[in-house]
Amino acid sequence: MSTAWVEDPWQVAEHDFPRAALPEQQLRFLLNYAVLAPSIHNTQPWRFRIVGSEVELYADRTRSLAVVDPEDRQLIISCGAALFHLQVAMRHFGYQPQVRLFPDPEDPDLLAFIRQGPPEPATLLDHRLFQAIKKRRTNRLPFEGRSVPEAELHALERAVVQEGAQLRIVQDQEARYALAELIAEAERRQMADPRFRRELAAWTHPARKQSRDGLPITARGLSEWLGPAGPLMVRTFFWAKGQVARDRQLAEGSPVLLVLLTNADTPLAWLTAGQALDRLLLQAADYNLSASFLNQPIEVPEVRSMLRRWLATEAYPQVILRLGYGPPVPPTPRRPVHEVILQHRYM
C-alpha cells in the first residue's frame, strides 16, 4: 500500500517507501518528511513541484507575515529547513541529493532544484538525522536546569558551520540575562502594535480545532478551556504583557541560548540559514535536547542592530534559540503533501 498521500505526514511509515517505484512516486513519498520541518508560526510557507527525478521548491508568499516578517526572511529560512529535511530523507533511503539554489534569476519564488541523484549508501549520521525528524519538536515549555554537555554544543557549532553559517553559544548567566533583556525589549515593542497581535491571533487556533497549520492556543501559554475565545485573547494587550514576562523567564531559565548568524543578509543567506538551522535542530533532537525560538530581537530592526553591537559582530543574526532538556510535547499539525504540490510551474 502506498502512503504517498497520507493525510497526516507525522504518521508516514518508513517501511512504506516505494523502493521499486518510479522516481516521481518516491519523491512524492519523501515530501512527507520535508513538510515536517519547522516554520514561523507553523505557516508552512512552501510549495513543491515534481518533475521526473527532480523537486522544485517554491516560496508560498500567500503565507507571508506582513507585520513580523515584511521581507519574507523567516519565510525563506523556513523553506530552507524543509529543503534540508528533504535531503536528509533522500540520504536515508540511499540516494545522494543534488541541490541548486535559486536556479532561475527571473523567478525569486523558485528557491531550489533538488534532484534525486545516484544511489549511495547512507552513513550512520544520515540515519540518525532521519530518525530525529519525528523526534524534533518546538518545545515552548520551561526546560530543566541541568547543563548541556560541552561536547554536544561544540558538535552543534560544527554542524552549523558545515552548512555555511555561524553559531554563537550564550551560556553564562550574565550573558543570558543580557540577551533575555534584548528579547524582552523587542517583544515589548511588538506587542504594543495591535497589527502584530492581530497577525499572531490569525495563526492561533483553539486547541481542539482540526487545523493543519498555525499554532494551538496551548502553545501560546493559554488554557485549552478557552476554546474559540483563545485567539481573541492573543489580540489583547493584557495577554501580550504577560507573554513578554513569560518569554523573558524562559530565556533566563534556559541553560543555553544560541544565535545563528550568516555573513550576508540576502535571500541566499536566508536559505542557507534555514538549512543550517535544520541540521542543528535535528542533531539536537538526536541528543534528546529540546529547542524553541526567541527571534524577537531579530524581528525588530532597531533591536537587531542592538543585538549585533552586543555580539560585537559584522555578521547578521538570523535565528535565536533556547536549548535544554524539556518535557515531552505533541507535534504541531501539518498539511498533507497533496495540499502543497504544484501541478504547473507558477511565476
C-alpha atoms as a PDB file:
ATOM      1  CA  MET A   1       0.000   0.000   0.000  1.00  0.00           C
ATOM      2  CA  SER A   2       1.343   3.465  -0.910  1.00  0.00           C
ATOM      3  CA  THR A   3       1.324   6.130   1.794  1.00  0.00           C
ATOM      4  CA  ALA A   4       2.458   8.914  -0.527  1.00  0.00           C
ATOM      5  CA  TRP A   5      -0.836  10.709   0.081  1.00  0.00           C
ATOM      6  CA  VAL A   6      -1.249  10.175   3.827  1.00  0.00           C
ATOM      7  CA  GLU A   7      -3.436  12.848   5.411  1.00  0.00           C
ATOM      8  CA  ASP A   8      -1.156  13.309   8.425  1.00  0.00           C
ATOM      9  CA  PRO A   9       2.528  13.394   7.452  1.00  0.00           C
ATOM     10  CA  TRP A  10       3.520  12.696  11.073  1.00  0.00           C
ATOM     11  CA  GLN A  11       2.041   9.212  10.535  1.00  0.00           C
ATOM     12  CA  VAL A  12       4.056   8.328   7.431  1.00  0.00           C
ATOM     13  CA  ALA A  13       5.680   4.908   7.831  1.00  0.00           C
ATOM     14  CA  GLU A  14       9.304   4.403   6.791  1.00  0.00           C
ATOM     15  CA  HIS A  15       8.666   0.823   5.667  1.00  0.00           C
ATOM     16  CA  ASP A  16       6.169   2.072   3.059  1.00  0.00           C
ATOM     17  CA  PHE A  17       8.859   3.746   0.958  1.00  0.00           C
ATOM     18  CA  PRO A  18       8.087   2.629  -2.643  1.00  0.00           C
ATOM     19  CA  ARG A  19      11.594   1.419  -3.465  1.00  0.00           C
ATOM     20  CA  ALA A  20      10.583  -0.264  -6.735  1.00  0.00           C
ATOM     21  CA  ALA A  21       8.522   2.699  -7.974  1.00  0.00           C
ATOM     22  CA  LEU A  22       9.416   5.494 -10.389  1.00  0.00           C
ATOM     23  CA  PRO A  23      11.405   8.474  -9.000  1.00  0.00           C
ATOM     24  CA  GLU A  24       8.307  10.672  -9.167  1.00  0.00           C
ATOM     25  CA  GLN A  25       6.424   8.364  -6.788  1.00  0.00           C
ATOM     26  CA  GLN A  26       9.426   8.082  -4.487  1.00  0.00           C
ATOM     27  CA  LEU A  27       9.786  11.858  -4.312  1.00  0.00           C
ATOM     28  CA  ARG A  28       6.107  12.246  -3.525  1.00  0.00           C
ATOM     29  CA  PHE A  29       6.644   9.891  -0.590  1.00  0.00           C
ATOM     30  CA  LEU A  30       9.787  11.725   0.587  1.00  0.00           C
ATOM     31  CA  LEU A  31       7.935  15.040   0.678  1.00  0.00           C
ATOM     32  CA  ASN A  32       6.006  13.681   3.661  1.00  0.00           C
ATOM     33  CA  TYR A  33       9.243  14.209   5.596  1.00  0.00           C
ATOM     34  CA  ALA A  34      10.024  17.608   4.063  1.00  0.00           C
ATOM     35  CA  VAL A  35       6.745  19.093   5.333  1.00  0.00           C
ATOM     36  CA  LEU A  36       7.590  18.110   8.926  1.00  0.00           C
ATOM     37  CA  ALA A  37      10.146  20.937   9.018  1.00  0.00           C
ATOM     38  CA  PRO A  38       9.592  23.862  11.424  1.00  0.00           C
ATOM     39  CA  SER A  39       8.290  27.201  10.144  1.00  0.00           C
ATOM     40  CA  ILE A  40       7.445  30.613  11.557  1.00  0.00           C
ATOM     41  CA  HIS A  41       4.041  30.421  13.325  1.00  0.00           C
ATOM     42  CA  ASN A  42       3.744  26.994  11.632  1.00  0.00           C
ATOM     43  CA  THR A  43       2.697  28.768   8.436  1.00  0.00           C
ATOM     44  CA  GLN A  44       4.324  26.046   6.281  1.00  0.00           C
ATOM     45  CA  PRO A  45       5.142  28.549   3.519  1.00  0.00           C
ATOM     46  CA  TRP A  46       6.354  26.108   0.884  1.00  0.00           C
ATOM     47  CA  ARG A  47       5.153  24.552  -2.346  1.00  0.00           C
ATOM     48  CA  PHE A  48       6.731  21.716  -4.336  1.00  0.00           C
ATOM     49  CA  ARG A  49       6.575  20.564  -7.940  1.00  0.00           C
ATOM     50  CA  ILE A  50       7.864  17.150  -9.022  1.00  0.00           C
ATOM     51  CA  VAL A  51       9.329  16.811 -12.498  1.00  0.00           C
ATOM     52  CA  GLY A  52      10.740  13.341 -13.135  1.00  0.00           C
ATOM     53  CA  SER A  53      13.548  12.784 -10.624  1.00  0.00           C
ATOM     54  CA  GLU A  54      13.635  16.430  -9.507  1.00  0.00           C
ATOM     55  CA  VAL A  55      11.720  18.519  -6.988  1.00  0.00           C
ATOM     56  CA  GLU A  56      11.245  22.261  -7.385  1.00  0.00           C
ATOM     57  CA  LEU A  57      10.915  24.142  -4.092  1.00  0.00           C
ATOM     58  CA  TYR A  58       8.885  27.380  -4.158  1.00  0.00           C
ATOM     59  CA  ALA A  59       8.252  30.047  -1.550  1.00  0.00           C
ATOM     60  CA  ASP A  60       4.499  30.324  -0.951  1.00  0.00           C
ATOM     61  CA  ARG A  61       4.168  34.056  -0.406  1.00  0.00           C
ATOM     62  CA  THR A  62       0.421  33.769   0.146  1.00  0.00           C
ATOM     63  CA  ARG A  63       1.536  32.705   3.630  1.00  0.00           C
ATOM     64  CA  SER A  64       3.737  35.728   4.230  1.00  0.00           C
ATOM     65  CA  LEU A  65       3.517  37.585   7.545  1.00  0.00           C
ATOM     66  CA  ALA A  66       3.381  41.260   6.604  1.00  0.00           C
ATOM     67  CA  VAL A  67       3.975  42.616  10.122  1.00  0.00           C
ATOM     68  CA  VAL A  68       6.528  40.317  11.719  1.00  0.00           C
ATOM     69  CA  ASP A  69       8.339  39.260   8.528  1.00  0.00           C
ATOM     70  CA  PRO A  70       7.891  42.008   5.901  1.00  0.00           C
ATOM     71  CA  GLU A  71      10.951  40.969   3.858  1.00  0.00           C
ATOM     72  CA  ASP A  72       9.998  37.241   3.920  1.00  0.00           C
ATOM     73  CA  ARG A  73      13.304  36.496   5.634  1.00  0.00           C
ATOM     74  CA  GLN A  74      11.825  33.985   8.070  1.00  0.00           C
ATOM     75  CA  LEU A  75       9.623  32.580   5.307  1.00  0.00           C
ATOM     76  CA  ILE A  76      12.722  31.676   3.279  1.00  0.00           C
ATOM     77  CA  ILE A  77      14.519  30.346   6.374  1.00  0.00           C
ATOM     78  CA  SER A  78      11.502  28.065   6.918  1.00  0.00           C
ATOM     79  CA  CYS A  79      11.760  26.849   3.315  1.00  0.00           C
ATOM     80  CA  GLY A  80      15.463  26.172   3.877  1.00  0.00           C
ATOM     81  CA  ALA A  81      14.537  23.905   6.774  1.00  0.00           C
ATOM     82  CA  ALA A  82      12.119  21.959   4.547  1.00  0.00           C
ATOM     83  CA  LEU A  83      14.854  21.680   1.928  1.00  0.00           C
ATOM     84  CA  PHE A  84      17.229  20.153   4.463  1.00  0.00           C
ATOM     85  CA  HIS A  85      14.550  17.747   5.744  1.00  0.00           C
ATOM     86  CA  LEU A  86      14.094  16.514   2.166  1.00  0.00           C
ATOM     87  CA  GLN A  87      17.835  15.985   1.703  1.00  0.00           C
ATOM     88  CA  VAL A  88      18.028  14.023   4.954  1.00  0.00           C
ATOM     89  CA  ALA A  89      15.180  11.762   3.813  1.00  0.00           C
ATOM     90  CA  MET A  90      16.836  11.195   0.420  1.00  0.00           C
ATOM     91  CA  ARG A  91      20.142  10.209   2.012  1.00  0.00           C
ATOM     92  CA  HIS A  92      18.472   7.868   4.478  1.00  0.00           C
ATOM     93  CA  PHE A  93      16.777   5.938   1.671  1.00  0.00           C
ATOM     94  CA  GLY A  94      20.058   5.628  -0.228  1.00  0.00           C
ATOM     95  CA  TYR A  95      20.097   8.495  -2.735  1.00  0.00           C
ATOM     96  CA  GLN A  96      22.533  11.387  -2.998  1.00  0.00           C
ATOM     97  CA  PRO A  97      20.644  14.711  -3.274  1.00  0.00           C
ATOM     98  CA  GLN A  98      21.908  17.187  -5.859  1.00  0.00           C
ATOM     99  CA  VAL A  99      20.830  20.731  -4.994  1.00  0.00           C
ATOM    100  CA  ARG A 100      20.863  24.014  -6.947  1.00  0.00           C
ATOM    101  CA  LEU A 101      19.816  27.126  -5.056  1.00  0.00           C
ATOM    102  CA  PHE A 102      17.967  29.974  -6.809  1.00  0.00           C
ATOM    103  CA  PRO A 103      18.320  28.332 -10.228  1.00  0.00           C
ATOM    104  CA  ASP A 104      16.234  30.916 -12.108  1.00  0.00           C
ATOM    105  CA  PRO A 105      17.156  34.610 -11.615  1.00  0.00           C
ATOM    106  CA  GLU A 106      13.838  35.575 -13.235  1.00  0.00           C
ATOM    107  CA  ASP A 107      11.784  33.735 -10.604  1.00  0.00           C
ATOM    108  CA  PRO A 108      12.644  34.684  -6.995  1.00  0.00           C
ATOM    109  CA  ASP A 109       9.963  32.310  -5.695  1.00  0.00           C
ATOM    110  CA  LEU A 110      11.797  29.305  -7.124  1.00  0.00           C
ATOM    111  CA  LEU A 111      14.228  28.622  -4.282  1.00  0.00           C
ATOM    112  CA  ALA A 112      15.841  25.329  -5.273  1.00  0.00           C
ATOM    113  CA  PHE A 113      16.024  22.310  -7.554  1.00  0.00           C
ATOM    114  CA  ILE A 114      16.610  19.064  -5.640  1.00  0.00           C
ATOM    115  CA  ARG A 115      17.453  16.106  -7.857  1.00  0.00           C
ATOM    116  CA  GLN A 116      17.339  12.538  -6.627  1.00  0.00           C
ATOM    117  CA  GLY A 117      20.894  11.608  -7.538  1.00  0.00           C
ATOM    118  CA  PRO A 118      22.510   8.202  -7.926  1.00  0.00           C
ATOM    119  CA  PRO A 119      22.229   5.515  -5.246  1.00  0.00           C
ATOM    120  CA  GLU A 120      24.698   5.964  -2.405  1.00  0.00           C
ATOM    121  CA  PRO A 121      24.790   4.058   0.904  1.00  0.00           C
ATOM    122  CA  ALA A 122      23.626   6.143   3.858  1.00  0.00           C
ATOM    123  CA  THR A 123      26.013   6.804   6.730  1.00  0.00           C
ATOM    124  CA  LEU A 124      25.209   6.313  10.398  1.00  0.00           C
ATOM    125  CA  LEU A 125      24.799  10.086  10.732  1.00  0.00           C
ATOM    126  CA  ASP A 126      22.353  10.081   7.802  1.00  0.00           C
ATOM    127  CA  HIS A 127      20.222   7.500   9.588  1.00  0.00           C
ATOM    128  CA  ARG A 128      20.378   9.327  12.926  1.00  0.00           C
ATOM    129  CA  LEU A 129      19.345  12.653  11.406  1.00  0.00           C
ATOM    130  CA  PHE A 130      16.466  10.941   9.630  1.00  0.00           C
ATOM    131  CA  GLN A 131      15.225   9.292  12.836  1.00  0.00           C
ATOM    132  CA  ALA A 132      15.410  12.716  14.502  1.00  0.00           C
ATOM    133  CA  ILE A 133      12.875  14.185  12.043  1.00  0.00           C
ATOM    134  CA  LYS A 134       9.948  12.757  14.001  1.00  0.00           C
ATOM    135  CA  LYS A 135      11.621  13.357  17.379  1.00  0.00           C
ATOM    136  CA  ARG A 136      12.097  17.065  16.753  1.00  0.00           C
ATOM    137  CA  ARG A 137       9.536  19.359  18.381  1.00  0.00           C
ATOM    138  CA  THR A 138       9.448  23.086  19.052  1.00  0.00           C
ATOM    139  CA  ASN A 139       9.180  22.971  22.839  1.00  0.00           C
ATOM    140  CA  ARG A 140       7.759  26.165  24.359  1.00  0.00           C
ATOM    141  CA  LEU A 141       7.666  24.832  27.946  1.00  0.00           C
ATOM    142  CA  PRO A 142      10.291  25.597  30.630  1.00  0.00           C
ATOM    143  CA  PHE A 143      13.453  23.499  30.471  1.00  0.00           C
ATOM    144  CA  GLU A 144      15.295  21.705  33.252  1.00  0.00           C
ATOM    145  CA  GLY A 145      18.222  23.493  34.860  1.00  0.00           C
ATOM    146  CA  ARG A 146      20.810  20.844  34.033  1.00  0.00           C
ATOM    147  CA  SER A 147      23.632  21.790  31.717  1.00  0.00           C
ATOM    148  CA  VAL A 148      24.053  20.720  28.109  1.00  0.00           C
ATOM    149  CA  PRO A 149      27.336  18.811  27.620  1.00  0.00           C
ATOM    150  CA  GLU A 150      30.077  20.937  26.076  1.00  0.00           C
ATOM    151  CA  ALA A 151      30.903  18.215  23.553  1.00  0.00           C
ATOM    152  CA  GLU A 152      27.342  18.353  22.197  1.00  0.00           C
ATOM    153  CA  LEU A 153      27.360  22.141  21.990  1.00  0.00           C
ATOM    154  CA  HIS A 154      30.610  22.089  20.018  1.00  0.00           C
ATOM    155  CA  ALA A 155      29.173  19.402  17.730  1.00  0.00           C
ATOM    156  CA  LEU A 156      26.166  21.636  17.045  1.00  0.00           C
ATOM    157  CA  GLU A 157      28.518  24.523  16.307  1.00  0.00           C
ATOM    158  CA  ARG A 158      30.397  22.372  13.773  1.00  0.00           C
ATOM    159  CA  ALA A 159      27.105  21.281  12.207  1.00  0.00           C
ATOM    160  CA  VAL A 160      26.080  24.890  11.612  1.00  0.00           C
ATOM    161  CA  VAL A 161      29.476  25.792  10.157  1.00  0.00           C
ATOM    162  CA  GLN A 162      29.240  22.778   7.851  1.00  0.00           C
ATOM    163  CA  GLU A 163      26.109  24.352   6.317  1.00  0.00           C
ATOM    164  CA  GLY A 164      27.768  27.732   5.783  1.00  0.00           C
ATOM    165  CA  ALA A 165      26.577  29.657   8.853  1.00  0.00           C
ATOM    166  CA  GLN A 166      27.934  30.598  12.297  1.00  0.00           C
ATOM    167  CA  LEU A 167      26.760  29.820  15.812  1.00  0.00           C
ATOM    168  CA  ARG A 168      27.258  31.919  18.929  1.00  0.00           C
ATOM    169  CA  ILE A 169      26.750  29.987  22.186  1.00  0.00           C
ATOM    170  CA  VAL A 170      25.488  32.050  25.145  1.00  0.00           C
ATOM    171  CA  GLN A 171      25.844  30.145  28.415  1.00  0.00           C
ATOM    172  CA  ASP A 172      26.973  32.177  31.407  1.00  0.00           C
ATOM    173  CA  GLN A 173      24.229  33.765  33.467  1.00  0.00           C
ATOM    174  CA  GLU A 174      25.201  37.394  32.910  1.00  0.00           C
ATOM    175  CA  ALA A 175      25.214  36.961  29.115  1.00  0.00           C
ATOM    176  CA  ARG A 176      21.943  35.027  29.126  1.00  0.00           C
ATOM    177  CA  TYR A 177      20.263  37.746  31.184  1.00  0.00           C
ATOM    178  CA  ALA A 178      21.585  40.431  28.828  1.00  0.00           C
ATOM    179  CA  LEU A 179      20.224  38.581  25.792  1.00  0.00           C
ATOM    180  CA  ALA A 180      16.950  37.963  27.643  1.00  0.00           C
ATOM    181  CA  GLU A 181      16.642  41.738  28.124  1.00  0.00           C
ATOM    182  CA  LEU A 182      17.009  42.270  24.364  1.00  0.00           C
ATOM    183  CA  ILE A 183      14.352  39.617  23.777  1.00  0.00           C
ATOM    184  CA  ALA A 184      12.002  41.348  26.211  1.00  0.00           C
ATOM    185  CA  GLU A 185      12.676  44.797  24.730  1.00  0.00           C
ATOM    186  CA  ALA A 186      11.896  43.593  21.201  1.00  0.00           C
ATOM    187  CA  GLU A 187       8.785  41.759  22.329  1.00  0.00           C
ATOM    188  CA  ARG A 188       7.500  44.807  24.224  1.00  0.00           C
ATOM    189  CA  ARG A 189       7.755  46.813  21.014  1.00  0.00           C
ATOM    190  CA  GLN A 190       5.995  44.120  19.012  1.00  0.00           C
ATOM    191  CA  MET A 191       3.186  43.588  21.499  1.00  0.00           C
ATOM    192  CA  ALA A 192       2.480  47.320  21.637  1.00  0.00           C
ATOM    193  CA  ASP A 193       1.480  47.116  17.957  1.00  0.00           C
ATOM    194  CA  PRO A 194      -2.140  45.926  17.531  1.00  0.00           C
ATOM    195  CA  ARG A 195      -1.329  44.846  13.949  1.00  0.00           C
ATOM    196  CA  PHE A 196       1.269  42.431  15.325  1.00  0.00           C
ATOM    197  CA  ARG A 197      -1.200  40.990  17.844  1.00  0.00           C
ATOM    198  CA  ARG A 198      -3.854  40.562  15.139  1.00  0.00           C
ATOM    199  CA  GLU A 199      -1.386  38.726  12.911  1.00  0.00           C
ATOM    200  CA  LEU A 200      -0.369  36.480  15.799  1.00  0.00           C
ATOM    201  CA  ALA A 201      -4.016  35.733  16.562  1.00  0.00           C
ATOM    202  CA  ALA A 202      -4.714  34.886  12.909  1.00  0.00           C
ATOM    203  CA  TRP A 203      -2.264  31.976  13.169  1.00  0.00           C
ATOM    204  CA  THR A 204      -3.528  30.812  16.574  1.00  0.00           C
ATOM    205  CA  HIS A 205      -6.323  28.243  16.805  1.00  0.00           C
ATOM    206  CA  PRO A 206      -8.434  26.620  19.504  1.00  0.00           C
ATOM    207  CA  ALA A 207      -6.640  23.524  20.739  1.00  0.00           C
ATOM    208  CA  ARG A 208      -9.376  21.157  19.591  1.00  0.00           C
ATOM    209  CA  LYS A 209      -9.824  22.703  16.153  1.00  0.00           C
ATOM    210  CA  GLN A 210      -8.762  20.356  13.362  1.00  0.00           C
ATOM    211  CA  SER A 211      -6.474  22.914  11.756  1.00  0.00           C
ATOM    212  CA  ARG A 212      -3.483  21.755   9.729  1.00  0.00           C
ATOM    213  CA  ASP A 213      -1.390  24.883  10.192  1.00  0.00           C
ATOM    214  CA  GLY A 214      -0.829  27.613  12.761  1.00  0.00           C
ATOM    215  CA  LEU A 215      -0.416  27.013  16.483  1.00  0.00           C
ATOM    216  CA  PRO A 216      -2.898  25.811  19.121  1.00  0.00           C
ATOM    217  CA  ILE A 217      -3.617  28.290  21.913  1.00  0.00           C
ATOM    218  CA  THR A 218      -1.828  25.992  24.369  1.00  0.00           C
ATOM    219  CA  ALA A 219       1.421  26.796  22.534  1.00  0.00           C
ATOM    220  CA  ARG A 220       0.776  30.476  23.335  1.00  0.00           C
ATOM    221  CA  GLY A 221       0.553  29.737  27.060  1.00  0.00           C
ATOM    222  CA  LEU A 222      -3.268  29.823  27.166  1.00  0.00           C
ATOM    223  CA  SER A 223      -5.603  27.189  28.585  1.00  0.00           C
ATOM    224  CA  GLU A 224      -7.409  24.769  26.315  1.00  0.00           C
ATOM    225  CA  TRP A 225     -10.718  25.533  28.030  1.00  0.00           C
ATOM    226  CA  LEU A 226     -10.780  28.999  26.424  1.00  0.00           C
ATOM    227  CA  GLY A 227     -11.785  27.315  23.162  1.00  0.00           C
ATOM    228  CA  PRO A 228     -12.730  29.772  20.385  1.00  0.00           C
ATOM    229  CA  ALA A 229     -12.006  32.692  22.723  1.00  0.00           C
ATOM    230  CA  GLY A 230      -8.306  31.811  22.810  1.00  0.00           C
ATOM    231  CA  PRO A 231      -7.279  33.613  19.591  1.00  0.00           C
ATOM    232  CA  LEU A 232      -9.225  36.677  20.781  1.00  0.00           C
ATOM    233  CA  MET A 233      -7.184  36.689  23.996  1.00  0.00           C
ATOM    234  CA  VAL A 234      -3.977  36.813  21.935  1.00  0.00           C
ATOM    235  CA  ARG A 235      -5.141  40.149  20.497  1.00  0.00           C
ATOM    236  CA  THR A 236      -5.394  41.789  23.935  1.00  0.00           C
ATOM    237  CA  PHE A 237      -2.677  43.953  25.445  1.00  0.00           C
ATOM    238  CA  PHE A 238      -3.271  42.245  28.805  1.00  0.00           C
ATOM    239  CA  TRP A 239      -2.228  38.882  27.360  1.00  0.00           C
ATOM    240  CA  ALA A 240       0.679  40.488  25.497  1.00  0.00           C
ATOM    241  CA  LYS A 241       2.130  41.980  28.683  1.00  0.00           C
ATOM    242  CA  GLY A 242       2.084  38.577  30.360  1.00  0.00           C
ATOM    243  CA  GLN A 243       3.651  36.919  27.301  1.00  0.00           C
ATOM    244  CA  VAL A 244       6.651  39.270  27.443  1.00  0.00           C
ATOM    245  CA  ALA A 245       7.265  38.288  31.068  1.00  0.00           C
ATOM    246  CA  ARG A 246       6.899  34.570  30.275  1.00  0.00           C
ATOM    247  CA  ASP A 247       9.326  34.674  27.357  1.00  0.00           C
ATOM    248  CA  ARG A 248      11.869  36.574  29.423  1.00  0.00           C
ATOM    249  CA  GLN A 249      11.642  33.921  32.138  1.00  0.00           C
ATOM    250  CA  LEU A 250      12.036  31.174  29.532  1.00  0.00           C
ATOM    251  CA  ALA A 251      15.184  32.829  28.177  1.00  0.00           C
ATOM    252  CA  GLU A 252      16.712  33.439  31.600  1.00  0.00           C
ATOM    253  CA  GLY A 253      15.860  29.945  32.809  1.00  0.00           C
ATOM    254  CA  SER A 254      17.223  28.032  29.815  1.00  0.00           C
ATOM    255  CA  PRO A 255      20.724  26.587  30.237  1.00  0.00           C
ATOM    256  CA  VAL A 256      21.842  27.701  26.760  1.00  0.00           C
ATOM    257  CA  LEU A 257      20.859  30.375  24.259  1.00  0.00           C
ATOM    258  CA  LEU A 258      22.089  30.147  20.675  1.00  0.00           C
ATOM    259  CA  VAL A 259      22.358  32.776  17.962  1.00  0.00           C
ATOM    260  CA  LEU A 260      22.715  31.591  14.365  1.00  0.00           C
ATOM    261  CA  LEU A 261      24.363  34.114  12.022  1.00  0.00           C
ATOM    262  CA  THR A 262      25.332  34.488   8.366  1.00  0.00           C
ATOM    263  CA  ASN A 263      27.898  36.748   6.685  1.00  0.00           C
ATOM    264  CA  ALA A 264      25.300  38.246   4.338  1.00  0.00           C
ATOM    265  CA  ASP A 265      21.645  39.220   4.693  1.00  0.00           C
ATOM    266  CA  THR A 266      20.241  38.162   1.330  1.00  0.00           C
ATOM    267  CA  PRO A 267      17.667  35.566   0.249  1.00  0.00           C
ATOM    268  CA  LEU A 268      20.528  33.159  -0.471  1.00  0.00           C
ATOM    269  CA  ALA A 269      21.906  33.716   3.034  1.00  0.00           C
ATOM    270  CA  TRP A 270      18.436  33.153   4.495  1.00  0.00           C
ATOM    271  CA  LEU A 271      18.054  29.866   2.623  1.00  0.00           C
ATOM    272  CA  THR A 272      21.497  28.838   3.876  1.00  0.00           C
ATOM    273  CA  ALA A 273      20.488  29.800   7.421  1.00  0.00           C
ATOM    274  CA  GLY A 274      17.393  27.604   7.146  1.00  0.00           C
ATOM    275  CA  GLN A 275      19.440  24.564   6.204  1.00  0.00           C
ATOM    276  CA  ALA A 276      21.971  25.247   8.963  1.00  0.00           C
ATOM    277  CA  LEU A 277      19.155  25.718  11.469  1.00  0.00           C
ATOM    278  CA  ASP A 278      17.544  22.453  10.460  1.00  0.00           C
ATOM    279  CA  ARG A 279      20.774  20.487  10.771  1.00  0.00           C
ATOM    280  CA  LEU A 280      21.239  21.966  14.239  1.00  0.00           C
ATOM    281  CA  LEU A 281      17.671  21.117  15.308  1.00  0.00           C
ATOM    282  CA  LEU A 282      17.848  17.537  14.033  1.00  0.00           C
ATOM    283  CA  GLN A 283      21.214  16.928  15.639  1.00  0.00           C
ATOM    284  CA  ALA A 284      19.936  18.449  18.896  1.00  0.00           C
ATOM    285  CA  ALA A 285      16.892  16.158  18.768  1.00  0.00           C
ATOM    286  CA  ASP A 286      19.225  13.207  18.266  1.00  0.00           C
ATOM    287  CA  TYR A 287      20.897  14.262  21.545  1.00  0.00           C
ATOM    288  CA  ASN A 288      17.421  14.334  23.188  1.00  0.00           C
ATOM    289  CA  LEU A 289      17.659  18.113  23.515  1.00  0.00           C
ATOM    290  CA  SER A 290      14.670  20.442  23.195  1.00  0.00           C
ATOM    291  CA  ALA A 291      14.682  23.795  21.433  1.00  0.00           C
ATOM    292  CA  SER A 292      12.387  26.720  20.751  1.00  0.00           C
ATOM    293  CA  PHE A 293      12.644  30.107  19.073  1.00  0.00           C
ATOM    294  CA  LEU A 294      13.085  33.533  20.668  1.00  0.00           C
ATOM    295  CA  ASN A 295      13.538  35.543  17.472  1.00  0.00           C
ATOM    296  CA  GLN A 296      12.011  38.811  18.685  1.00  0.00           C
ATOM    297  CA  PRO A 297      15.285  40.829  18.627  1.00  0.00           C
ATOM    298  CA  ILE A 298      15.829  39.824  15.004  1.00  0.00           C
ATOM    299  CA  GLU A 299      12.277  40.765  14.019  1.00  0.00           C
ATOM    300  CA  VAL A 300      12.605  44.386  15.218  1.00  0.00           C
ATOM    301  CA  PRO A 301      15.226  46.213  13.088  1.00  0.00           C
ATOM    302  CA  GLU A 302      16.370  48.600  15.826  1.00  0.00           C
ATOM    303  CA  VAL A 303      16.828  45.788  18.332  1.00  0.00           C
ATOM    304  CA  ARG A 304      18.566  43.654  15.728  1.00  0.00           C
ATOM    305  CA  SER A 305      21.160  46.410  15.408  1.00  0.00           C
ATOM    306  CA  MET A 306      21.498  46.426  19.191  1.00  0.00           C
ATOM    307  CA  LEU A 307      21.986  42.662  19.114  1.00  0.00           C
ATOM    308  CA  ARG A 308      24.770  42.937  16.527  1.00  0.00           C
ATOM    309  CA  ARG A 309      26.531  45.501  18.671  1.00  0.00           C
ATOM    310  CA  TRP A 310      26.127  43.324  21.762  1.00  0.00           C
ATOM    311  CA  LEU A 311      27.595  40.354  19.870  1.00  0.00           C
ATOM    312  CA  ALA A 312      30.365  42.629  18.514  1.00  0.00           C
ATOM    313  CA  THR A 313      29.978  41.144  15.038  1.00  0.00           C
ATOM    314  CA  GLU A 314      29.625  42.254  11.432  1.00  0.00           C
ATOM    315  CA  ALA A 315      27.622  39.084  10.713  1.00  0.00           C
ATOM    316  CA  TYR A 316      23.822  39.099  10.621  1.00  0.00           C
ATOM    317  CA  PRO A 317      21.857  37.261  13.317  1.00  0.00           C
ATOM    318  CA  GLN A 318      19.118  35.189  11.705  1.00  0.00           C
ATOM    319  CA  VAL A 319      17.751  32.937  14.472  1.00  0.00           C
ATOM    320  CA  ILE A 320      17.786  32.877  18.277  1.00  0.00           C
ATOM    321  CA  LEU A 321      17.132  29.567  20.033  1.00  0.00           C
ATOM    322  CA  ARG A 322      16.964  28.358  23.588  1.00  0.00           C
ATOM    323  CA  LEU A 323      18.267  24.860  24.186  1.00  0.00           C
ATOM    324  CA  GLY A 324      17.935  22.395  27.027  1.00  0.00           C
ATOM    325  CA  TYR A 325      16.057  19.395  28.350  1.00  0.00           C
ATOM    326  CA  GLY A 326      12.293  19.808  28.187  1.00  0.00           C
ATOM    327  CA  PRO A 327       9.226  17.666  28.878  1.00  0.00           C
ATOM    328  CA  PRO A 328       7.556  15.778  26.017  1.00  0.00           C
ATOM    329  CA  VAL A 329       5.270  17.900  23.828  1.00  0.00           C
ATOM    330  CA  PRO A 330       2.950  16.908  20.969  1.00  0.00           C
ATOM    331  CA  PRO A 331       3.804  17.837  17.381  1.00  0.00           C
ATOM    332  CA  THR A 332       2.125  20.764  15.699  1.00  0.00           C
ATOM    333  CA  PRO A 333      -0.159  19.884  12.773  1.00  0.00           C
ATOM    334  CA  ARG A 334       0.960  19.673   9.150  1.00  0.00           C
ATOM    335  CA  ARG A 335      -0.834  19.958   5.845  1.00  0.00           C
ATOM    336  CA  PRO A 336      -0.787  16.755   3.772  1.00  0.00           C
ATOM    337  CA  VAL A 337       1.576  16.652   0.817  1.00  0.00           C
ATOM    338  CA  HIS A 338      -1.195  16.807  -1.772  1.00  0.00           C
ATOM    339  CA  GLU A 339      -2.076  20.298  -0.498  1.00  0.00           C
ATOM    340  CA  VAL A 340       1.423  21.668  -1.173  1.00  0.00           C
ATOM    341  CA  ILE A 341       2.080  20.010  -4.547  1.00  0.00           C
ATOM    342  CA  LEU A 342       2.006  22.187  -7.665  1.00  0.00           C
ATOM    343  CA  GLN A 343       0.921  20.642 -10.943  1.00  0.00           C
ATOM    344  CA  HIS A 344       2.289  23.506 -13.037  1.00  0.00           C
ATOM    345  CA  ARG A 345       5.085  25.963 -12.501  1.00  0.00           C
ATOM    346  CA  TYR A 346       3.891  29.392 -11.467  1.00  0.00           C
ATOM    347  CA  MET A 347       5.750  32.690 -11.661  1.00  0.00           C
END
